[in-house]
């Protein structure tokens, strides 16, 4: 009987060790699940932040592209206005010189005088 009593105590001791080990494993598993949930939340938040960052960057780039197009249009308009102004100035100068008749008359008179001599 004493032999059975010793065996029973050994079994109880082993069962207690197994229960403690099982409780320890259960505690570690809960910690892992908690860490996994925290990691999942962190990854989702980072993904959301990254998506917002890229969307913001793309919006800014699109605005920059549109403003560059508008700037190019303004530059073309400015160049056109410069050419138009130069042409108007040259035309006005030519008409003033030619319309006054002074220089044109002198040139024609010089040609006629040269031809008659």
PDB file of N, CA and C in Angstrom:
ATOM      1  N   UNK A   1       0.800  -1.170   0.000  1.00  0.00           N
ATOM      2  CA  UNK A   1       0.000   0.000   0.000  1.00  0.00           C
ATOM      3  C   UNK A   1       0.861   1.261   0.000  1.00  0.00           C
ATOM      4  N   UNK A   2       1.890   1.200   0.741  1.00  0.00           N
ATOM      5  CA  UNK A   2       2.789   2.340   0.800  1.00  0.00           C
ATOM      6  C   UNK A   2       3.396   2.595  -0.575  1.00  0.00           C
ATOM      7  N   UNK A   3       3.639   1.527  -1.287  1.00  0.00           N
ATOM      8  CA  UNK A   3       4.177   1.650  -2.634  1.00  0.00           C
ATOM      9  C   UNK A   3       3.172   2.366  -3.529  1.00  0.00           C
ATOM     10  N   UNK A   4       1.929   2.056  -3.351  1.00  0.00           N
ATOM     11  CA  UNK A   4       0.874   2.725  -4.120  1.00  0.00           C
ATOM     12  C   UNK A   4       0.766   4.192  -3.711  1.00  0.00           C
ATOM     13  N   UNK A   5       0.928   4.465  -2.465  1.00  0.00           N
ATOM     14  CA  UNK A   5       0.864   5.831  -1.956  1.00  0.00           C
ATOM     15  C   UNK A   5       1.994   6.672  -2.561  1.00  0.00           C
ATOM     16  N   UNK A   6       3.169   6.092  -2.643  1.00  0.00           N
ATOM     17  CA  UNK A   6       4.316   6.810  -3.236  1.00  0.00           C
ATOM     18  C   UNK A   6       4.054   7.054  -4.721  1.00  0.00           C
ATOM     19  N   UNK A   7       3.546   6.013  -5.366  1.00  0.00           N
ATOM     20  CA  UNK A   7       3.226   6.171  -6.791  1.00  0.00           C
ATOM     21  C   UNK A   7       2.168   7.239  -7.005  1.00  0.00           C
ATOM     22  N   UNK A   8       1.173   7.239  -6.151  1.00  0.00           N
ATOM     23  CA  UNK A   8       0.101   8.229  -6.252  1.00  0.00           C
ATOM     24  C   UNK A   8       0.650   9.642  -6.062  1.00  0.00           C
ATOM     25  N   UNK A   9       1.520   9.831  -5.102  1.00  0.00           N
ATOM     26  CA  UNK A   9       2.134  11.139  -4.876  1.00  0.00           C
ATOM     27  C   UNK A   9       2.991  11.562  -6.080  1.00  0.00           C
ATOM     28  N   UNK A  10       3.713  10.600  -6.650  1.00  0.00           N
ATOM     29  CA  UNK A  10       4.518  10.904  -7.834  1.00  0.00           C
ATOM     30  C   UNK A  10       3.622  11.331  -8.992  1.00  0.00           C
ATOM     31  N   UNK A  11       2.517  10.622  -9.176  1.00  0.00           N
ATOM     32  CA  UNK A  11       1.574  10.981 -10.248  1.00  0.00           C
ATOM     33  C   UNK A  11       0.962  12.352 -10.000  1.00  0.00           C
ATOM     34  N   UNK A  12       0.597  12.599  -8.771  1.00  0.00           N
ATOM     35  CA  UNK A  12       0.038  13.923  -8.444  1.00  0.00           C
ATOM     36  C   UNK A  12       1.076  15.020  -8.709  1.00  0.00           C
ATOM     37  N   UNK A  13       2.315  14.733  -8.337  1.00  0.00           N
ATOM     38  CA  UNK A  13       3.394  15.704  -8.571  1.00  0.00           C
ATOM     39  C   UNK A  13       3.566  15.953 -10.077  1.00  0.00           C
ATOM     40  N   UNK A  14       3.566  14.883 -10.852  1.00  0.00           N
ATOM     41  CA  UNK A  14       3.687  15.018 -12.303  1.00  0.00           C
ATOM     42  C   UNK A  14       2.494  15.771 -12.890  1.00  0.00           C
ATOM     43  N   UNK A  15       1.310  15.454 -12.405  1.00  0.00           N
ATOM     44  CA  UNK A  15       0.102  16.142 -12.896  1.00  0.00           C
ATOM     45  C   UNK A  15       0.188  17.632 -12.568  1.00  0.00           C
ATOM     46  N   UNK A  16       0.628  17.981 -11.354  1.00  0.00           N
ATOM     47  CA  UNK A  16       0.785  19.377 -10.961  1.00  0.00           C
ATOM     48  C   UNK A  16       1.792  20.094 -11.875  1.00  0.00           C
ATOM     49  N   UNK A  17       2.906  19.407 -12.164  1.00  0.00           N
ATOM     50  CA  UNK A  17       3.919  19.979 -13.055  1.00  0.00           C
ATOM     51  C   UNK A  17       3.327  20.198 -14.449  1.00  0.00           C
ATOM     52  N   UNK A  18       2.576  19.212 -14.950  1.00  0.00           N
ATOM     53  CA  UNK A  18       1.945  19.343 -16.264  1.00  0.00           C
ATOM     54  C   UNK A  18       0.913  20.477 -16.279  1.00  0.00           C
ATOM     55  N   UNK A  19       0.128  20.603 -15.199  1.00  0.00           N
ATOM     56  CA  UNK A  19      -0.862  21.683 -15.122  1.00  0.00           C
ATOM     57  C   UNK A  19      -0.173  23.052 -15.101  1.00  0.00           C
ATOM     58  N   UNK A  20       0.929  23.151 -14.330  1.00  0.00           N
ATOM     59  CA  UNK A  20       1.678  24.416 -14.288  1.00  0.00           C
ATOM     60  C   UNK A  20       2.280  24.734 -15.658  1.00  0.00           C
ATOM     61  N   UNK A  21       2.813  23.694 -16.300  1.00  0.00           N
ATOM     62  CA  UNK A  21       3.389  23.873 -17.630  1.00  0.00           C
ATOM     63  C   UNK A  21       2.309  24.295 -18.624  1.00  0.00           C
ATOM     64  N   UNK A  22       1.139  23.653 -18.521  1.00  0.00           N
ATOM     65  CA  UNK A  22       0.016  24.003 -19.412  1.00  0.00           C
ATOM     66  C   UNK A  22      -0.437  25.446 -19.174  1.00  0.00           C
ATOM     67  N   UNK A  23      -0.506  25.850 -17.896  1.00  0.00           N
ATOM     68  CA  UNK A  23      -0.897  27.230 -17.576  1.00  0.00           C
ATOM     69  C   UNK A  23       0.140  28.218 -18.116  1.00  0.00           C
ATOM     70  N   UNK A  24       1.409  27.868 -18.013  1.00  0.00           N
ATOM     71  CA  UNK A  24       2.481  28.724 -18.527  1.00  0.00           C
ATOM     72  C   UNK A  24       2.369  28.845 -20.052  1.00  0.00           C
ATOM     73  N   UNK A  25       2.128  27.720 -20.712  1.00  0.00           N
ATOM     74  CA  UNK A  25       1.970  27.751 -22.163  1.00  0.00           C
ATOM     75  C   UNK A  25       0.742  28.570 -22.565  1.00  0.00           C
ATOM     76  N   UNK A  26      -0.319  28.447 -21.818  1.00  0.00           N
ATOM     77  CA  UNK A  26      -1.547  29.216 -22.080  1.00  0.00           C
ATOM     78  C   UNK A  26      -1.271  30.724 -21.923  1.00  0.00           C
ATOM     79  N   UNK A  27      -0.525  31.077 -20.887  1.00  0.00           N
ATOM     80  CA  UNK A  27      -0.178  32.474 -20.650  1.00  0.00           C
ATOM     81  C   UNK A  27       0.689  33.010 -21.808  1.00  0.00           C
ATOM     82  N   UNK A  28       1.674  32.242 -22.233  1.00  0.00           N
ATOM     83  CA  UNK A  28       2.520  32.665 -23.353  1.00  0.00           C
ATOM     84  C   UNK A  28       1.719  32.780 -24.652  1.00  0.00           C
ATOM     85  N   UNK A  29       0.785  31.864 -24.863  1.00  0.00           N
ATOM     86  CA  UNK A  29      -0.060  31.919 -26.057  1.00  0.00           C
ATOM     87  C   UNK A  29      -0.918  33.185 -26.056  1.00  0.00           C
ATOM     88  N   UNK A  30      -1.469  33.551 -24.902  1.00  0.00           N
ATOM     89  CA  UNK A  30      -2.253  34.798 -24.803  1.00  0.00           C
ATOM     90  C   UNK A  30      -1.375  36.016 -25.089  1.00  0.00           C
ATOM     91  N   UNK A  31      -0.141  35.993 -24.572  1.00  0.00           N
ATOM     92  CA  UNK A  31       0.792  37.086 -24.850  1.00  0.00           C
ATOM     93  C   UNK A  31       1.112  37.189 -26.340  1.00  0.00           C
ATOM     94  N   UNK A  32       1.299  36.054 -26.976  1.00  0.00           N
ATOM     95  CA  UNK A  32       1.574  36.043 -28.417  1.00  0.00           C
ATOM     96  C   UNK A  32       0.378  36.590 -29.182  1.00  0.00           C
ATOM     97  N   UNK A  33      -0.832  36.158 -28.800  1.00  0.00           N
ATOM     98  CA  UNK A  33      -2.040  36.661 -29.470  1.00  0.00           C
ATOM     99  C   UNK A  33      -2.177  38.171 -29.283  1.00  0.00           C
ATOM    100  N   UNK A  34      -1.896  38.636 -28.089  1.00  0.00           N
ATOM    101  CA  UNK A  34      -1.969  40.070 -27.817  1.00  0.00           C
ATOM    102  C   UNK A  34      -0.934  40.828 -28.651  1.00  0.00           C
ATOM    103  N   UNK A  35       0.266  40.292 -28.708  1.00  0.00           N
ATOM    104  CA  UNK A  35       1.316  40.923 -29.513  1.00  0.00           C
ATOM    105  C   UNK A  35       0.942  40.919 -30.988  1.00  0.00           C
ATOM    106  N   UNK A  36       0.361  39.831 -31.437  1.00  0.00           N
ATOM    107  CA  UNK A  36      -0.056  39.737 -32.834  1.00  0.00           C
ATOM    108  C   UNK A  36      -1.137  40.767 -33.149  1.00  0.00           C
ATOM    109  N   UNK A  37      -2.098  40.910 -32.263  1.00  0.00           N
ATOM    110  CA  UNK A  37      -3.160  41.897 -32.459  1.00  0.00           C
ATOM    111  C   UNK A  37      -2.582  43.307 -32.495  1.00  0.00           C
ATOM    112  N   UNK A  38      -1.657  43.585 -31.585  1.00  0.00           N
ATOM    113  CA  UNK A  38      -1.007  44.906 -31.561  1.00  0.00           C
ATOM    114  C   UNK A  38      -0.218  45.136 -32.855  1.00  0.00           C
ATOM    115  N   UNK A  39       0.498  44.115 -33.306  1.00  0.00           N
ATOM    116  CA  UNK A  39       1.274  44.218 -34.541  1.00  0.00           C
ATOM    117  C   UNK A  39       0.357  44.437 -35.737  1.00  0.00           C
ATOM    118  N   UNK A  40      -0.746  43.712 -35.777  1.00  0.00           N
ATOM    119  CA  UNK A  40      -1.701  43.861 -36.876  1.00  0.00           C
ATOM    120  C   UNK A  40      -2.267  45.282 -36.917  1.00  0.00           C
ATOM    121  N   UNK A  41      -2.620  45.820 -35.754  1.00  0.00           N
ATOM    122  CA  UNK A  41      -3.140  47.189 -35.672  1.00  0.00           C
ATOM    123  C   UNK A  41      -2.090  48.184 -36.138  1.00  0.00           C
ATOM    124  N   UNK A  42      -0.859  47.978 -35.708  1.00  0.00           N
ATOM    125  CA  UNK A  42       0.235  48.876 -36.106  1.00  0.00           C
ATOM    126  C   UNK A  42       0.451  48.838 -37.616  1.00  0.00           C
ATOM    127  N   UNK A  43       0.447  47.646 -38.197  1.00  0.00           N
ATOM    128  CA  UNK A  43       0.655  47.506 -39.639  1.00  0.00           C
ATOM    129  C   UNK A  43      -0.474  48.182 -40.410  1.00  0.00           C
ATOM    130  N   UNK A  44      -1.713  47.984 -39.970  1.00  0.00           N
ATOM    131  CA  UNK A  44      -2.844  48.621 -40.647  1.00  0.00           C
ATOM    132  C   UNK A  44      -2.755  50.141 -40.570  1.00  0.00           C
ATOM    133  N   UNK A  45      -2.354  50.667 -39.417  1.00  0.00           N
ATOM    134  CA  UNK A  45      -2.221  52.117 -39.253  1.00  0.00           C
ATOM    135  C   UNK A  45      -1.101  52.661 -40.153  1.00  0.00           C
ATOM    136  N   UNK A  46       0.032  51.951 -40.168  1.00  0.00           N
ATOM    137  CA  UNK A  46       1.147  52.377 -41.020  1.00  0.00           C
ATOM    138  C   UNK A  46       0.748  52.323 -42.490  1.00  0.00           C
ATOM    139  N   UNK A  47       0.020  51.306 -42.874  1.00  0.00           N
ATOM    140  CA  UNK A  47      -0.448  51.184 -44.253  1.00  0.00           C
ATOM    141  C   UNK A  47      -1.359  52.355 -44.611  1.00  0.00           C
ATOM    142  N   UNK A  48      -2.248  52.708 -43.703  1.00  0.00           N
ATOM    143  CA  UNK A  48      -3.169  53.826 -43.921  1.00  0.00           C
ATOM    144  C   UNK A  48      -2.376  55.138 -44.033  1.00  0.00           C
ATOM    145  N   UNK A  49      -1.409  55.320 -43.143  1.00  0.00           N
ATOM    146  CA  UNK A  49      -0.578  56.533 -43.178  1.00  0.00           C
ATOM    147  C   UNK A  49       0.223  56.619 -44.474  1.00  0.00           C
ATOM    148  N   UNK A  50       0.790  55.496 -44.898  1.00  0.00           N
ATOM    149  CA  UNK A  50       1.572  55.462 -46.132  1.00  0.00           C
ATOM    150  C   UNK A  50       0.693  55.782 -47.334  1.00  0.00           C
ATOM    151  N   UNK A  51      -0.502  55.207 -47.365  1.00  0.00           N
ATOM    152  CA  UNK A  51      -1.430  55.473 -48.462  1.00  0.00           C
ATOM    153  C   UNK A  51      -1.802  56.952 -48.514  1.00  0.00           C
ATOM    154  N   UNK A  52      -2.064  57.546 -47.356  1.00  0.00           N
ATOM    155  CA  UNK A  52      -2.397  58.972 -47.302  1.00  0.00           C
ATOM    156  C   UNK A  52      -1.210  59.819 -47.757  1.00  0.00           C
ATOM    157  N   UNK A  53       0.001  59.445 -47.349  1.00  0.00           N
ATOM    158  CA  UNK A  53       1.194  60.173 -47.754  1.00  0.00           C
ATOM    159  C   UNK A  53       1.356  60.145 -49.272  1.00  0.00           C
ATOM    160  N   UNK A  54       1.223  58.939 -49.865  1.00  0.00           N
ATOM    161  CA  UNK A  54       1.379  58.833 -51.314  1.00  0.00           C
ATOM    162  C   UNK A  54       0.269  59.575 -52.049  1.00  0.00           C
ATOM    163  N   UNK A  55      -0.955  59.516 -51.532  1.00  0.00           N
ATOM    164  CA  UNK A  55      -2.058  60.239 -52.165  1.00  0.00           C
ATOM    165  C   UNK A  55      -1.799  61.743 -52.122  1.00  0.00           C
ATOM    166  N   UNK A  56      -1.325  62.226 -50.976  1.00  0.00           N
ATOM    167  CA  UNK A  56      -1.001  63.646 -50.839  1.00  0.00           C
ATOM    168  C   UNK A  56       0.117  64.044 -51.798  1.00  0.00           C
ATOM    169  N   UNK A  57       1.139  63.204 -51.898  1.00  0.00           N
ATOM    170  CA  UNK A  57       2.257  63.476 -52.799  1.00  0.00           C
ATOM    171  C   UNK A  57       1.796  63.490 -54.253  1.00  0.00           C
ATOM    172  N   UNK A  58       0.948  62.534 -54.623  1.00  0.00           N
ATOM    173  CA  UNK A  58       0.443  62.497 -55.995  1.00  0.00           C
ATOM    174  C   UNK A  58      -0.413  63.724 -56.289  1.00  0.00           C
ATOM    175  N   UNK A  59      -1.225  64.159 -55.329  1.00  0.00           N
ATOM    176  CA  UNK A  59      -2.037  65.365 -55.524  1.00  0.00           C
ATOM    177  C   UNK A  59      -1.149  66.591 -55.730  1.00  0.00           C
ATOM    178  N   UNK A  60      -0.095  66.691 -54.930  1.00  0.00           N
ATOM    179  CA  UNK A  60       0.829  67.823 -55.075  1.00  0.00           C
ATOM    180  C   UNK A  60       1.544  67.779 -56.422  1.00  0.00           C
ATOM    181  N   UNK A  61       1.947  66.595 -56.859  1.00  0.00           N
ATOM    182  CA  UNK A  61       2.609  66.474 -58.155  1.00  0.00           C
ATOM    183  C   UNK A  61       1.648  66.847 -59.288  1.00  0.00           C
ATOM    184  N   UNK A  62       0.387  66.429 -59.167  1.00  0.00           N
ATOM    185  CA  UNK A  62      -0.592  66.759 -60.191  1.00  0.00           C
ATOM    186  C   UNK A  62      -0.804  68.279 -60.244  1.00  0.00           C
ATOM    187  N   UNK A  63      -0.886  68.914 -59.074  1.00  0.00           N
ATOM    188  CA  UNK A  63      -1.019  70.374 -59.034  1.00  0.00           C
ATOM    189  C   UNK A  63       0.194  71.040 -59.672  1.00  0.00           C
ATOM    190  N   UNK A  64       1.379  70.496 -59.411  1.00  0.00           N
ATOM    191  CA  UNK A  64       2.608  71.034 -59.999  1.00  0.00           C
ATOM    192  C   UNK A  64       2.590  70.897 -61.522  1.00  0.00           C
ATOM    193  N   UNK A  65       2.137  69.750 -62.009  1.00  0.00           N
ATOM    194  CA  UNK A  65       2.053  69.525 -63.450  1.00  0.00           C
ATOM    195  C   UNK A  65       1.080  70.512 -64.086  1.00  0.00           C
ATOM    196  N   UNK A  66      -0.074  70.698 -63.443  1.00  0.00           N
ATOM    197  CA  UNK A  66      -1.053  71.651 -63.976  1.00  0.00           C
ATOM    198  C   UNK A  66      -0.500  73.071 -63.970  1.00  0.00           C
ATOM    199  N   UNK A  67       0.196  73.449 -62.897  1.00  0.00           N
ATOM    200  CA  UNK A  67       0.744  74.808 -62.837  1.00  0.00           C
ATOM    201  C   UNK A  67       1.850  74.995 -63.875  1.00  0.00           C
ATOM    202  N   UNK A  68       2.627  73.938 -64.154  1.00  0.00           N
ATOM    203  CA  UNK A  68       3.658  74.031 -65.188  1.00  0.00           C
ATOM    204  C   UNK A  68       3.007  74.232 -66.553  1.00  0.00           C
ATOM    205  N   UNK A  69       1.894  73.557 -66.809  1.00  0.00           N
ATOM    206  CA  UNK A  69       1.178  73.750 -68.069  1.00  0.00           C
ATOM    207  C   UNK A  69       0.689  75.180 -68.202  1.00  0.00           C
ATOM    208  N   UNK A  70       0.135  75.712 -67.120  1.00  0.00           N
ATOM    209  CA  UNK A  70      -0.350  77.099 -67.137  1.00  0.00           C
ATOM    210  C   UNK A  70       0.823  78.062 -67.321  1.00  0.00           C
ATOM    211  N   UNK A  71       1.942  77.764 -66.684  1.00  0.00           N
ATOM    212  CA  UNK A  71       3.131  78.612 -66.818  1.00  0.00           C
ATOM    213  C   UNK A  71       3.641  78.607 -68.257  1.00  0.00           C
ATOM    214  N   UNK A  72       3.653  77.434 -68.892  1.00  0.00           N
ATOM    215  CA  UNK A  72       4.081  77.346 -70.290  1.00  0.00           C
ATOM    216  C   UNK A  72       3.139  78.130 -71.201  1.00  0.00           C
ATOM    217  N   UNK A  73       1.847  78.050 -70.930  1.00  0.00           N
ATOM    218  CA  UNK A  73       0.879  78.817 -71.718  1.00  0.00           C
ATOM    219  C   UNK A  73       1.123  80.315 -71.561  1.00  0.00           C
ATOM    220  N   UNK A  74       1.369  80.759 -70.345  1.00  0.00           N
ATOM    221  CA  UNK A  74       1.642  82.175 -70.107  1.00  0.00           C
ATOM    222  C   UNK A  74       2.928  82.611 -70.805  1.00  0.00           C
ATOM    223  N   UNK A  75       3.938  81.744 -70.801  1.00  0.00           N
ATOM    224  CA  UNK A  75       5.204  82.068 -71.465  1.00  0.00           C
ATOM    225  C   UNK A  75       4.994  82.196 -72.974  1.00  0.00           C
ATOM    226  N   UNK A  76       4.216  81.290 -73.555  1.00  0.00           N
ATOM    227  CA  UNK A  76       3.918  81.386 -74.988  1.00  0.00           C
ATOM    228  C   UNK A  76       3.164  82.672 -75.302  1.00  0.00           C
ATOM    229  N   UNK A  77       2.194  83.021 -74.452  1.00  0.00           N
ATOM    230  CA  UNK A  77       1.453  84.274 -74.646  1.00  0.00           C
ATOM    231  C   UNK A  77       2.387  85.474 -74.543  1.00  0.00           C
ATOM    232  N   UNK A  78       3.296  85.450 -73.596  1.00  0.00           N
ATOM    233  CA  UNK A  78       4.237  86.550 -73.412  1.00  0.00           C
ATOM    234  C   UNK A  78       5.147  86.691 -74.633  1.00  0.00           C
ATOM    235  N   UNK A  79       5.666  85.560 -75.128  1.00  0.00           N
ATOM    236  CA  UNK A  79       6.525  85.591 -76.316  1.00  0.00           C
ATOM    237  C   UNK A  79       5.753  86.132 -77.525  1.00  0.00           C
ATOM    238  N   UNK A  80       4.506  85.738 -77.660  1.00  0.00           N
ATOM    239  CA  UNK A  80       3.672  86.230 -78.758  1.00  0.00           C
ATOM    240  C   UNK A  80       3.481  87.746 -78.648  1.00  0.00           C
ATOM    241  N   UNK A  81       3.212  88.213 -77.437  1.00  0.00           N
ATOM    242  CA  UNK A  81       3.027  89.654 -77.226  1.00  0.00           C
ATOM    243  C   UNK A  81       4.309  90.428 -77.529  1.00  0.00           C
ATOM    244  N   UNK A  82       5.461  89.871 -77.166  1.00  0.00           N
ATOM    245  CA  UNK A  82       6.749  90.523 -77.451  1.00  0.00           C
ATOM    246  C   UNK A  82       6.957  90.634 -78.962  1.00  0.00           C
ATOM    247  N   UNK A  83       6.728  89.540 -79.705  1.00  0.00           N
ATOM    248  CA  UNK A  83       6.879  89.575 -81.158  1.00  0.00           C
ATOM    249  C   UNK A  83       5.914  90.584 -81.789  1.00  0.00           C
ATOM    250  N   UNK A  84       4.687  90.588 -81.296  1.00  0.00           N
ATOM    251  CA  UNK A  84       3.683  91.521 -81.819  1.00  0.00           C
ATOM    252  C   UNK A  84       4.100  92.969 -81.558  1.00  0.00           C
ATOM    253  N   UNK A  85       4.601  93.240 -80.357  1.00  0.00           N
ATOM    254  CA  UNK A  85       5.033  94.591 -80.004  1.00  0.00           C
ATOM    255  C   UNK A  85       6.222  95.027 -80.866  1.00  0.00           C
ATOM    256  N   UNK A  86       7.180  94.126 -81.082  1.00  0.00           N
ATOM    257  CA  UNK A  86       8.333  94.448 -81.933  1.00  0.00           C
ATOM    258  C   UNK A  86       7.881  94.770 -83.358  1.00  0.00           C
ATOM    259  N   UNK A  87       6.985  93.959 -83.903  1.00  0.00           N
ATOM    260  CA  UNK A  87       6.486  94.181 -85.249  1.00  0.00           C
ATOM    261  C   UNK A  87       5.757  95.528 -85.332  1.00  0.00           C
ATOM    262  N   UNK A  88       4.943  95.822 -84.323  1.00  0.00           N
ATOM    263  CA  UNK A  88       4.222  97.103 -84.312  1.00  0.00           C
ATOM    264  C   UNK A  88       5.197  98.280 -84.261  1.00  0.00           C
ATOM    265  N   UNK A  89       6.245  98.165 -83.450  1.00  0.00           N
ATOM    266  CA  UNK A  89       7.241  99.232 -83.352  1.00  0.00           C
ATOM    267  C   UNK A  89       7.962  99.445 -84.678  1.00  0.00           C
ATOM    268  N   UNK A  90       8.398  98.344 -85.293  1.00  0.00           N
ATOM    269  CA  UNK A  90       9.096  98.461 -86.576  1.00  0.00           C
ATOM    270  C   UNK A  90       8.170  99.031 -87.658  1.00  0.00           C
ATOM    271  N   UNK A  91       6.937  98.565 -87.669  1.00  0.00           N
ATOM    272  CA  UNK A  91       5.972  99.072 -88.655  1.00  0.00           C
ATOM    273  C   UNK A  91       5.713 100.559 -88.433  1.00  0.00           C
ATOM    274  N   UNK A  92       5.525 100.927 -87.178  1.00  0.00           N
ATOM    275  CA  UNK A  92       5.272 102.336 -86.847  1.00  0.00           C
ATOM    276  C   UNK A  92       6.463 103.205 -87.250  1.00  0.00           C
ATOM    277  N   UNK A  93       7.666 102.740 -86.967  1.00  0.00           N
ATOM    278  CA  UNK A  93       8.865 103.490 -87.336  1.00  0.00           C
ATOM    279  C   UNK A  93       8.976 103.643 -88.851  1.00  0.00           C
ATOM    280  N   UNK A  94       8.730 102.549 -89.567  1.00  0.00           N
ATOM    281  CA  UNK A  94       8.792 102.581 -91.026  1.00  0.00           C
ATOM    282  C   UNK A  94       7.752 103.549 -91.593  1.00  0.00           C
ATOM    283  N   UNK A  95       6.538 103.487 -91.041  1.00  0.00           N
ATOM    284  CA  UNK A  95       5.486 104.376 -91.538  1.00  0.00           C
ATOM    285  C   UNK A  95       5.797 105.837 -91.217  1.00  0.00           C
ATOM    286  N   UNK A  96       6.369 106.097 -90.052  1.00  0.00           N
ATOM    287  CA  UNK A  96       6.729 107.477 -89.702  1.00  0.00           C
ATOM    288  C   UNK A  96       7.794 108.004 -90.641  1.00  0.00           C
ATOM    289  N   UNK A  97       8.807 107.166 -90.886  1.00  0.00           N
ATOM    290  CA  UNK A  97       9.899 107.591 -91.757  1.00  0.00           C
ATOM    291  C   UNK A  97       9.384 107.740 -93.187  1.00  0.00           C
ATOM    292  N   UNK A  98       8.662 106.724 -93.635  1.00  0.00           N
ATOM    293  CA  UNK A  98       8.177 106.758 -95.015  1.00  0.00           C
ATOM    294  C   UNK A  98       7.024 107.733 -95.198  1.00  0.00           C
ATOM    295  N   UNK A  99       6.169 107.830 -94.193  1.00  0.00           N
ATOM    296  CA  UNK A  99       4.997 108.691 -94.295  1.00  0.00           C
ATOM    297  C   UNK A  99       5.362 110.162 -94.246  1.00  0.00           C
ATOM    298  N   UNK A 100       6.357 110.520 -93.558  1.00  0.00           N
ATOM    299  CA  UNK A 100       6.778 111.914 -93.491  1.00  0.00           C
ATOM    300  C   UNK A 100       7.328 112.348 -94.836  1.00  0.00           C
ATOM    301  N   UNK A 101       7.839 111.418 -95.571  1.00  0.00           N
ATOM    302  CA  UNK A 101       8.305 111.715 -96.910  1.00  0.00           C
ATOM    303  C   UNK A 101       9.695 112.299 -96.964  1.00  0.00           C
ATOM    304  N   UNK A 102      10.232 112.697 -95.862  1.00  0.00           N
ATOM    305  CA  UNK A 102      11.539 113.355 -95.859  1.00  0.00           C
ATOM    306  C   UNK A 102      12.637 112.473 -96.393  1.00  0.00           C
ATOM    307  N   UNK A 103      12.888 111.374 -95.787  1.00  0.00           N
ATOM    308  CA  UNK A 103      14.005 110.507 -96.192  1.00  0.00           C
ATOM    309  C   UNK A 103      13.674 109.829 -97.508  1.00  0.00           C
ATOM    310  N   UNK A 104      12.414 109.382 -97.644  1.00  0.00           N
ATOM    311  CA  UNK A 104      12.021 108.727 -98.891  1.00  0.00           C
ATOM    312  C   UNK A 104      12.149 109.707-100.070  1.00  0.00           C
ATOM    313  N   UNK A 105      11.740 110.928 -99.852  1.00  0.00           N
ATOM    314  CA  UNK A 105      11.864 111.959-100.903  1.00  0.00           C
ATOM    315  C   UNK A 105      13.330 112.191-101.256  1.00  0.00           C
ATOM    316  N   UNK A 106      14.177 112.273-100.218  1.00  0.00           N
ATOM    317  CA  UNK A 106      15.600 112.486-100.470  1.00  0.00           C
ATOM    318  C   UNK A 106      16.225 111.324-101.243  1.00  0.00           C
ATOM    319  N   UNK A 107      15.824 110.113-100.918  1.00  0.00           N
ATOM    320  CA  UNK A 107      16.368 108.935-101.608  1.00  0.00           C
ATOM    321  C   UNK A 107      15.935 108.958-103.064  1.00  0.00           C
ATOM    322  N   UNK A 108      14.653 109.228-103.299  1.00  0.00           N
ATOM    323  CA  UNK A 108      14.149 109.258-104.676  1.00  0.00           C
ATOM    324  C   UNK A 108      14.817 110.409-105.453  1.00  0.00           C
ATOM    325  N   UNK A 109      14.938 111.537-104.808  1.00  0.00           N
ATOM    326  CA  UNK A 109      15.569 112.702-105.450  1.00  0.00           C
ATOM    327  C   UNK A 109      17.031 112.399-105.791  1.00  0.00           C
ATOM    328  N   UNK A 110      17.730 111.703-104.876  1.00  0.00           N
ATOM    329  CA  UNK A 110      19.127 111.360-105.129  1.00  0.00           C
ATOM    330  C   UNK A 110      19.225 110.393-106.295  1.00  0.00           C
ATOM    331  N   UNK A 111      18.311 109.460-106.392  1.00  0.00           N
ATOM    332  CA  UNK A 111      18.320 108.497-107.500  1.00  0.00           C
ATOM    333  C   UNK A 111      18.055 109.232-108.819  1.00  0.00           C
ATOM    334  N   UNK A 112      17.091 110.120-108.811  1.00  0.00           N
ATOM    335  CA  UNK A 112      16.763 110.865-110.032  1.00  0.00           C
ATOM    336  C   UNK A 112      17.942 111.753-110.435  1.00  0.00           C
ATOM    337  N   UNK A 113      18.531 112.454-109.461  1.00  0.00           N
ATOM    338  CA  UNK A 113      19.680 113.310-109.760  1.00  0.00           C
ATOM    339  C   UNK A 113      20.845 112.486-110.299  1.00  0.00           C
ATOM    340  N   UNK A 114      21.077 111.334-109.716  1.00  0.00           N
ATOM    341  CA  UNK A 114      22.176 110.476-110.149  1.00  0.00           C
ATOM    342  C   UNK A 114      21.906 109.943-111.567  1.00  0.00           C
ATOM    343  N   UNK A 115      20.656 109.633-111.852  1.00  0.00           N
ATOM    344  CA  UNK A 115      20.305 109.104-113.166  1.00  0.00           C
ATOM    345  C   UNK A 115      20.368 110.201-114.234  1.00  0.00           C
ATOM    346  N   UNK A 116      20.065 111.421-113.878  1.00  0.00           N
ATOM    347  CA  UNK A 116      20.083 112.507-114.857  1.00  0.00           C
ATOM    348  C   UNK A 116      21.487 113.031-115.099  1.00  0.00           C
ATOM    349  N   UNK A 117      22.410 112.794-114.317  1.00  0.00           N
ATOM    350  CA  UNK A 117      23.767 113.308-114.480  1.00  0.00           C
ATOM    351  C   UNK A 117      24.542 112.447-115.367  1.00  0.00           C
TER     352      UNK A 117
END
